[in-house]
Amino acid sequence: PRSVDLTPEALEALQRLYTERTVPMSGPDLVWPEWRDKGPQAISARFKTVARRAGLESLRFHDLRHAFCSRLAQAGVPLATIAVLAGHRSLQTTQRYACHVPGGATKAAVAAMVQNEKASPKKHGAAG
């Protein structure tokens, strides 16, 4: 088992879930005790149903992990720290998740380059 740090909002949501629960707890660490014997595939299938209802047909449960790692990398968190948080044994695995360029980032990068070129004196093709 792995323990994870939670945001205050996530902790609040889990505490609310715990107090509103209708299924008896079989252990203090179980978020969904009714799913205990169903395995990860059942949770993924349930997630897929919820995602489809939300209009997110292509979203997979594992994409949440990918997004978590990517957002940490975008925030400047070191790869070694992201690897620990994700439970990766290899930094190569973490790099696969963390090195994706977010939507719009390439346009922003090109715009920054153009802005820099406009602010700099011309050096290409002209003498002097």
N, C-alpha and C. Protein backbone atom coordinates (compact mmCIF):
# COMPACT_ATOMS: atom_id res chain seq x y z
N PRO A 1 0.83 -1.20 0.00
CA PRO A 1 0.00 0.00 0.00
C PRO A 1 0.86 1.25 0.00
N ARG A 2 0.37 2.27 -0.64
CA ARG A 2 1.08 3.54 -0.73
C ARG A 2 0.23 4.61 -0.07
N SER A 3 0.89 5.51 0.62
CA SER A 3 0.17 6.66 1.17
C SER A 3 0.50 7.86 0.31
N VAL A 4 -0.43 8.78 0.21
CA VAL A 4 -0.24 9.97 -0.61
C VAL A 4 -0.66 11.20 0.16
N ASP A 5 -0.02 12.31 -0.15
CA ASP A 5 -0.43 13.59 0.42
C ASP A 5 -1.63 14.08 -0.38
N LEU A 6 -2.53 14.75 0.30
CA LEU A 6 -3.74 15.25 -0.35
C LEU A 6 -3.83 16.76 -0.23
N THR A 7 -4.49 17.37 -1.19
CA THR A 7 -4.78 18.79 -1.08
C THR A 7 -5.85 18.96 -0.01
N PRO A 8 -5.97 20.13 0.58
CA PRO A 8 -7.03 20.35 1.57
C PRO A 8 -8.42 20.05 0.99
N GLU A 9 -8.63 20.38 -0.29
CA GLU A 9 -9.93 20.13 -0.92
C GLU A 9 -10.20 18.63 -1.05
N ALA A 10 -9.19 17.87 -1.43
CA ALA A 10 -9.37 16.42 -1.55
C ALA A 10 -9.63 15.79 -0.19
N LEU A 11 -8.91 16.24 0.81
CA LEU A 11 -9.12 15.73 2.16
C LEU A 11 -10.53 16.03 2.65
N GLU A 12 -11.00 17.23 2.39
CA GLU A 12 -12.37 17.61 2.78
C GLU A 12 -13.40 16.72 2.07
N ALA A 13 -13.19 16.47 0.78
CA ALA A 13 -14.12 15.63 0.02
C ALA A 13 -14.14 14.21 0.57
N LEU A 14 -12.98 13.67 0.92
CA LEU A 14 -12.92 12.32 1.47
C LEU A 14 -13.55 12.25 2.86
N GLN A 15 -13.35 13.29 3.65
CA GLN A 15 -13.98 13.32 4.98
C GLN A 15 -15.50 13.37 4.84
N ARG A 16 -15.99 14.12 3.88
CA ARG A 16 -17.43 14.19 3.63
C ARG A 16 -17.94 12.82 3.18
N LEU A 17 -17.21 12.17 2.29
CA LEU A 17 -17.58 10.84 1.81
C LEU A 17 -17.65 9.86 2.98
N TYR A 18 -16.68 9.95 3.86
CA TYR A 18 -16.62 9.05 5.02
C TYR A 18 -17.83 9.24 5.93
N THR A 19 -18.22 10.48 6.19
CA THR A 19 -19.34 10.73 7.11
C THR A 19 -20.69 10.42 6.47
N GLU A 20 -20.77 10.50 5.13
CA GLU A 20 -22.04 10.24 4.44
C GLU A 20 -22.17 8.80 3.97
N ARG A 21 -21.23 7.98 4.25
CA ARG A 21 -21.16 6.61 3.75
C ARG A 21 -22.33 5.77 4.22
N THR A 22 -22.82 4.90 3.35
CA THR A 22 -23.90 3.99 3.69
C THR A 22 -23.41 2.56 3.84
N VAL A 23 -22.24 2.28 3.34
CA VAL A 23 -21.65 0.93 3.44
C VAL A 23 -20.75 0.91 4.65
N PRO A 24 -20.86 -0.13 5.50
CA PRO A 24 -19.99 -0.18 6.68
C PRO A 24 -18.51 -0.26 6.30
N MET A 25 -17.70 0.38 7.08
CA MET A 25 -16.26 0.39 6.84
C MET A 25 -15.66 -0.95 7.28
N SER A 26 -14.79 -1.50 6.45
CA SER A 26 -14.07 -2.71 6.84
C SER A 26 -12.61 -2.38 7.13
N GLY A 27 -12.27 -1.13 7.04
CA GLY A 27 -10.92 -0.67 7.34
C GLY A 27 -10.88 0.83 7.21
N PRO A 28 -10.10 1.50 8.02
CA PRO A 28 -10.08 2.97 8.00
C PRO A 28 -9.46 3.56 6.75
N ASP A 29 -8.71 2.75 6.00
CA ASP A 29 -8.00 3.29 4.84
C ASP A 29 -8.72 3.06 3.52
N LEU A 30 -9.93 2.54 3.57
CA LEU A 30 -10.62 2.23 2.32
C LEU A 30 -11.54 3.36 1.91
N VAL A 31 -11.33 3.87 0.71
CA VAL A 31 -12.19 4.94 0.20
C VAL A 31 -13.52 4.34 -0.26
N TRP A 32 -13.44 3.22 -0.96
CA TRP A 32 -14.64 2.55 -1.46
C TRP A 32 -14.65 1.11 -0.97
N PRO A 33 -15.05 0.84 0.27
CA PRO A 33 -15.00 -0.53 0.78
C PRO A 33 -15.88 -1.49 -0.01
N GLU A 34 -16.95 -0.99 -0.62
CA GLU A 34 -17.84 -1.86 -1.39
C GLU A 34 -17.17 -2.39 -2.66
N TRP A 35 -16.05 -1.80 -3.05
CA TRP A 35 -15.32 -2.22 -4.25
C TRP A 35 -14.11 -3.07 -3.91
N ARG A 36 -13.93 -3.40 -2.66
CA ARG A 36 -12.72 -4.09 -2.21
C ARG A 36 -12.38 -5.33 -3.02
N ASP A 37 -13.37 -6.17 -3.29
CA ASP A 37 -13.11 -7.45 -3.95
C ASP A 37 -13.31 -7.39 -5.47
N LYS A 38 -13.53 -6.22 -6.00
CA LYS A 38 -13.83 -6.12 -7.44
C LYS A 38 -12.59 -5.87 -8.29
N GLY A 39 -11.54 -5.36 -7.71
CA GLY A 39 -10.30 -5.16 -8.44
C GLY A 39 -10.24 -3.86 -9.22
N PRO A 40 -9.04 -3.53 -9.71
CA PRO A 40 -8.82 -2.27 -10.40
C PRO A 40 -9.62 -2.13 -11.69
N GLN A 41 -9.87 -3.25 -12.38
CA GLN A 41 -10.62 -3.17 -13.64
C GLN A 41 -12.04 -2.66 -13.40
N ALA A 42 -12.64 -3.05 -12.28
CA ALA A 42 -14.00 -2.60 -11.97
C ALA A 42 -14.02 -1.09 -11.72
N ILE A 43 -13.01 -0.61 -11.04
CA ILE A 43 -12.94 0.84 -10.77
C ILE A 43 -12.73 1.59 -12.09
N SER A 44 -11.86 1.07 -12.95
CA SER A 44 -11.64 1.70 -14.25
C SER A 44 -12.91 1.70 -15.09
N ALA A 45 -13.66 0.60 -15.05
CA ALA A 45 -14.91 0.52 -15.80
C ALA A 45 -15.92 1.53 -15.28
N ARG A 46 -16.01 1.67 -13.98
CA ARG A 46 -16.93 2.65 -13.38
C ARG A 46 -16.51 4.07 -13.77
N PHE A 47 -15.21 4.33 -13.73
CA PHE A 47 -14.70 5.64 -14.12
C PHE A 47 -15.06 5.94 -15.57
N LYS A 48 -14.91 4.94 -16.42
CA LYS A 48 -15.22 5.12 -17.84
C LYS A 48 -16.69 5.50 -18.03
N THR A 49 -17.57 4.86 -17.28
CA THR A 49 -19.00 5.18 -17.34
C THR A 49 -19.26 6.62 -16.93
N VAL A 50 -18.65 7.04 -15.83
CA VAL A 50 -18.83 8.41 -15.34
C VAL A 50 -18.25 9.41 -16.34
N ALA A 51 -17.07 9.11 -16.88
CA ALA A 51 -16.44 10.01 -17.86
C ALA A 51 -17.30 10.14 -19.11
N ARG A 52 -17.86 9.03 -19.57
CA ARG A 52 -18.71 9.07 -20.76
C ARG A 52 -19.94 9.94 -20.52
N ARG A 53 -20.55 9.80 -19.34
CA ARG A 53 -21.72 10.62 -18.99
C ARG A 53 -21.36 12.11 -18.95
N ALA A 54 -20.11 12.40 -18.62
CA ALA A 54 -19.65 13.80 -18.56
C ALA A 54 -19.19 14.30 -19.92
N GLY A 55 -19.30 13.45 -20.95
CA GLY A 55 -18.89 13.86 -22.29
C GLY A 55 -17.40 13.73 -22.52
N LEU A 56 -16.72 12.95 -21.70
CA LEU A 56 -15.26 12.77 -21.81
C LEU A 56 -14.95 11.33 -22.19
N GLU A 57 -15.45 10.91 -23.36
CA GLU A 57 -15.37 9.51 -23.77
C GLU A 57 -13.94 8.96 -23.81
N SER A 58 -12.98 9.79 -24.16
CA SER A 58 -11.61 9.28 -24.32
C SER A 58 -10.81 9.30 -23.02
N LEU A 59 -11.37 9.84 -21.94
CA LEU A 59 -10.64 9.93 -20.67
C LEU A 59 -10.59 8.57 -19.98
N ARG A 60 -9.38 8.15 -19.59
CA ARG A 60 -9.20 6.90 -18.86
C ARG A 60 -8.78 7.21 -17.43
N PHE A 61 -9.02 6.28 -16.52
CA PHE A 61 -8.66 6.47 -15.12
C PHE A 61 -7.17 6.78 -14.99
N HIS A 62 -6.36 6.08 -15.77
CA HIS A 62 -4.90 6.26 -15.72
C HIS A 62 -4.49 7.67 -16.18
N ASP A 63 -5.34 8.32 -16.97
CA ASP A 63 -5.03 9.68 -17.42
C ASP A 63 -4.94 10.65 -16.25
N LEU A 64 -5.61 10.35 -15.15
CA LEU A 64 -5.53 11.21 -13.96
C LEU A 64 -4.10 11.21 -13.42
N ARG A 65 -3.48 10.05 -13.41
CA ARG A 65 -2.10 9.94 -12.94
C ARG A 65 -1.17 10.73 -13.87
N HIS A 66 -1.40 10.57 -15.16
CA HIS A 66 -0.61 11.27 -16.17
C HIS A 66 -0.75 12.78 -15.97
N ALA A 67 -1.98 13.25 -15.79
CA ALA A 67 -2.22 14.69 -15.61
C ALA A 67 -1.55 15.19 -14.33
N PHE A 68 -1.60 14.39 -13.28
CA PHE A 68 -0.98 14.76 -12.00
C PHE A 68 0.52 14.99 -12.20
N CYS A 69 1.18 14.04 -12.85
CA CYS A 69 2.63 14.16 -13.08
C CYS A 69 2.94 15.35 -13.99
N SER A 70 2.15 15.53 -15.03
CA SER A 70 2.38 16.64 -15.96
C SER A 70 2.22 17.98 -15.26
N ARG A 71 1.18 18.11 -14.44
CA ARG A 71 0.95 19.38 -13.74
C ARG A 71 2.06 19.67 -12.73
N LEU A 72 2.56 18.64 -12.07
CA LEU A 72 3.68 18.84 -11.15
C LEU A 72 4.90 19.34 -11.92
N ALA A 73 5.18 18.72 -13.07
CA ALA A 73 6.33 19.14 -13.87
C ALA A 73 6.16 20.57 -14.35
N GLN A 74 4.96 20.94 -14.78
CA GLN A 74 4.70 22.31 -15.23
C GLN A 74 4.88 23.31 -14.10
N ALA A 75 4.66 22.86 -12.86
CA ALA A 75 4.83 23.73 -11.70
C ALA A 75 6.29 23.81 -11.26
N GLY A 76 7.17 23.09 -11.96
CA GLY A 76 8.59 23.15 -11.64
C GLY A 76 9.05 22.17 -10.57
N VAL A 77 8.23 21.19 -10.24
CA VAL A 77 8.61 20.19 -9.25
C VAL A 77 9.68 19.28 -9.87
N PRO A 78 10.77 19.01 -9.15
CA PRO A 78 11.84 18.15 -9.70
C PRO A 78 11.32 16.75 -10.05
N LEU A 79 11.88 16.18 -11.12
CA LEU A 79 11.45 14.85 -11.57
C LEU A 79 11.57 13.80 -10.47
N ALA A 80 12.62 13.88 -9.66
CA ALA A 80 12.80 12.89 -8.59
C ALA A 80 11.64 12.94 -7.60
N THR A 81 11.16 14.13 -7.30
CA THR A 81 10.02 14.27 -6.38
C THR A 81 8.75 13.74 -7.03
N ILE A 82 8.56 14.04 -8.31
CA ILE A 82 7.39 13.53 -9.02
C ILE A 82 7.41 12.00 -9.04
N ALA A 83 8.60 11.42 -9.24
CA ALA A 83 8.73 9.96 -9.26
C ALA A 83 8.29 9.36 -7.93
N VAL A 84 8.70 9.97 -6.84
CA VAL A 84 8.31 9.48 -5.51
C VAL A 84 6.79 9.57 -5.35
N LEU A 85 6.22 10.71 -5.70
CA LEU A 85 4.77 10.90 -5.56
C LEU A 85 3.98 9.92 -6.42
N ALA A 86 4.49 9.60 -7.60
CA ALA A 86 3.80 8.70 -8.51
C ALA A 86 4.10 7.23 -8.23
N GLY A 87 5.09 6.98 -7.39
CA GLY A 87 5.46 5.59 -7.11
C GLY A 87 6.27 4.95 -8.22
N HIS A 88 6.93 5.76 -9.01
CA HIS A 88 7.77 5.23 -10.09
C HIS A 88 9.12 4.80 -9.53
N ARG A 89 9.62 3.68 -10.02
CA ARG A 89 10.96 3.22 -9.62
C ARG A 89 12.04 3.81 -10.51
N SER A 90 11.63 4.33 -11.65
CA SER A 90 12.59 4.83 -12.62
C SER A 90 12.23 6.26 -13.04
N LEU A 91 13.25 7.10 -13.14
CA LEU A 91 13.02 8.46 -13.63
C LEU A 91 12.60 8.46 -15.10
N GLN A 92 12.97 7.41 -15.83
CA GLN A 92 12.57 7.31 -17.24
C GLN A 92 11.04 7.22 -17.35
N THR A 93 10.43 6.47 -16.45
CA THR A 93 8.97 6.37 -16.43
C THR A 93 8.37 7.73 -16.16
N THR A 94 8.91 8.43 -15.18
CA THR A 94 8.40 9.75 -14.82
C THR A 94 8.55 10.72 -15.98
N GLN A 95 9.66 10.66 -16.69
CA GLN A 95 9.88 11.56 -17.83
C GLN A 95 8.82 11.36 -18.91
N ARG A 96 8.36 10.13 -19.10
CA ARG A 96 7.32 9.88 -20.10
C ARG A 96 6.05 10.65 -19.76
N TYR A 97 5.76 10.74 -18.47
CA TYR A 97 4.55 11.44 -18.04
C TYR A 97 4.77 12.95 -18.00
N ALA A 98 5.92 13.36 -17.55
CA ALA A 98 6.14 14.75 -17.19
C ALA A 98 6.65 15.62 -18.34
N CYS A 99 7.02 15.04 -19.44
CA CYS A 99 7.63 15.83 -20.51
C CYS A 99 6.68 16.17 -21.64
N HIS A 100 5.40 15.97 -21.44
CA HIS A 100 4.44 16.36 -22.46
C HIS A 100 4.21 17.86 -22.41
N VAL A 101 4.12 18.46 -23.55
CA VAL A 101 3.91 19.90 -23.64
C VAL A 101 2.42 20.18 -23.55
N PRO A 102 2.00 21.04 -22.63
CA PRO A 102 0.57 21.32 -22.49
C PRO A 102 0.02 22.05 -23.72
N GLY A 103 -1.27 21.89 -23.95
CA GLY A 103 -1.92 22.56 -25.07
C GLY A 103 -1.68 24.06 -25.02
N GLY A 104 -1.33 24.63 -26.15
CA GLY A 104 -1.10 26.06 -26.22
C GLY A 104 0.33 26.47 -25.90
N ALA A 105 1.11 25.58 -25.30
CA ALA A 105 2.47 25.94 -24.90
C ALA A 105 3.36 26.20 -26.11
N THR A 106 3.16 25.44 -27.18
CA THR A 106 4.01 25.64 -28.35
C THR A 106 3.71 26.99 -29.00
N LYS A 107 2.43 27.37 -29.06
CA LYS A 107 2.09 28.68 -29.62
C LYS A 107 2.67 29.79 -28.76
N ALA A 108 2.61 29.62 -27.45
CA ALA A 108 3.16 30.63 -26.54
C ALA A 108 4.67 30.73 -26.71
N ALA A 109 5.33 29.59 -26.93
CA ALA A 109 6.78 29.60 -27.11
C ALA A 109 7.17 30.33 -28.39
N VAL A 110 6.43 30.07 -29.48
CA VAL A 110 6.72 30.75 -30.74
C VAL A 110 6.44 32.24 -30.61
N ALA A 111 5.35 32.61 -29.94
CA ALA A 111 5.02 34.02 -29.73
C ALA A 111 6.11 34.72 -28.92
N ALA A 112 6.65 34.03 -27.92
CA ALA A 112 7.73 34.60 -27.11
C ALA A 112 8.98 34.81 -27.96
N MET A 113 9.26 33.84 -28.85
CA MET A 113 10.42 33.97 -29.73
C MET A 113 10.25 35.18 -30.65
N VAL A 114 9.06 35.32 -31.23
CA VAL A 114 8.79 36.44 -32.14
C VAL A 114 8.93 37.76 -31.39
N GLN A 115 8.39 37.82 -30.19
CA GLN A 115 8.49 39.04 -29.38
C GLN A 115 9.94 39.37 -29.09
N ASN A 116 10.72 38.36 -28.78
CA ASN A 116 12.14 38.55 -28.51
C ASN A 116 12.87 39.06 -29.76
N GLU A 117 12.52 38.49 -30.91
CA GLU A 117 13.14 38.92 -32.17
C GLU A 117 12.80 40.38 -32.47
N LYS A 118 11.57 40.78 -32.21
CA LYS A 118 11.16 42.17 -32.47
C LYS A 118 11.89 43.14 -31.55
N ALA A 119 12.17 42.71 -30.34
CA ALA A 119 12.84 43.58 -29.37
C ALA A 119 14.34 43.66 -29.60
N SER A 120 14.90 42.68 -30.32
CA SER A 120 16.35 42.63 -30.57
C SER A 120 16.67 43.31 -31.88
N PRO A 121 17.87 43.93 -31.98
CA PRO A 121 18.29 44.49 -33.27
C PRO A 121 18.49 43.36 -34.28
N LYS A 122 18.17 43.63 -35.53
CA LYS A 122 18.32 42.63 -36.59
C LYS A 122 19.79 42.31 -36.80
N LYS A 123 20.09 41.01 -36.86
CA LYS A 123 21.47 40.57 -37.08
C LYS A 123 21.57 39.67 -38.29
N HIS A 124 20.45 39.24 -38.82
CA HIS A 124 20.46 38.25 -39.89
C HIS A 124 20.37 38.92 -41.25
N GLY A 125 21.30 38.63 -42.14
CA GLY A 125 21.22 39.04 -43.52
C GLY A 125 21.56 40.50 -43.81
N ALA A 126 21.80 41.29 -42.82
CA ALA A 126 22.11 42.71 -43.06
C ALA A 126 23.48 43.02 -42.50
N ALA A 127 24.24 43.77 -43.24
CA ALA A 127 25.57 44.15 -42.76
C ALA A 127 25.44 45.30 -41.77
N GLY A 128 26.27 45.23 -40.79
CA GLY A 128 26.41 46.36 -39.97
C GLY A 128 25.64 46.52 -38.80
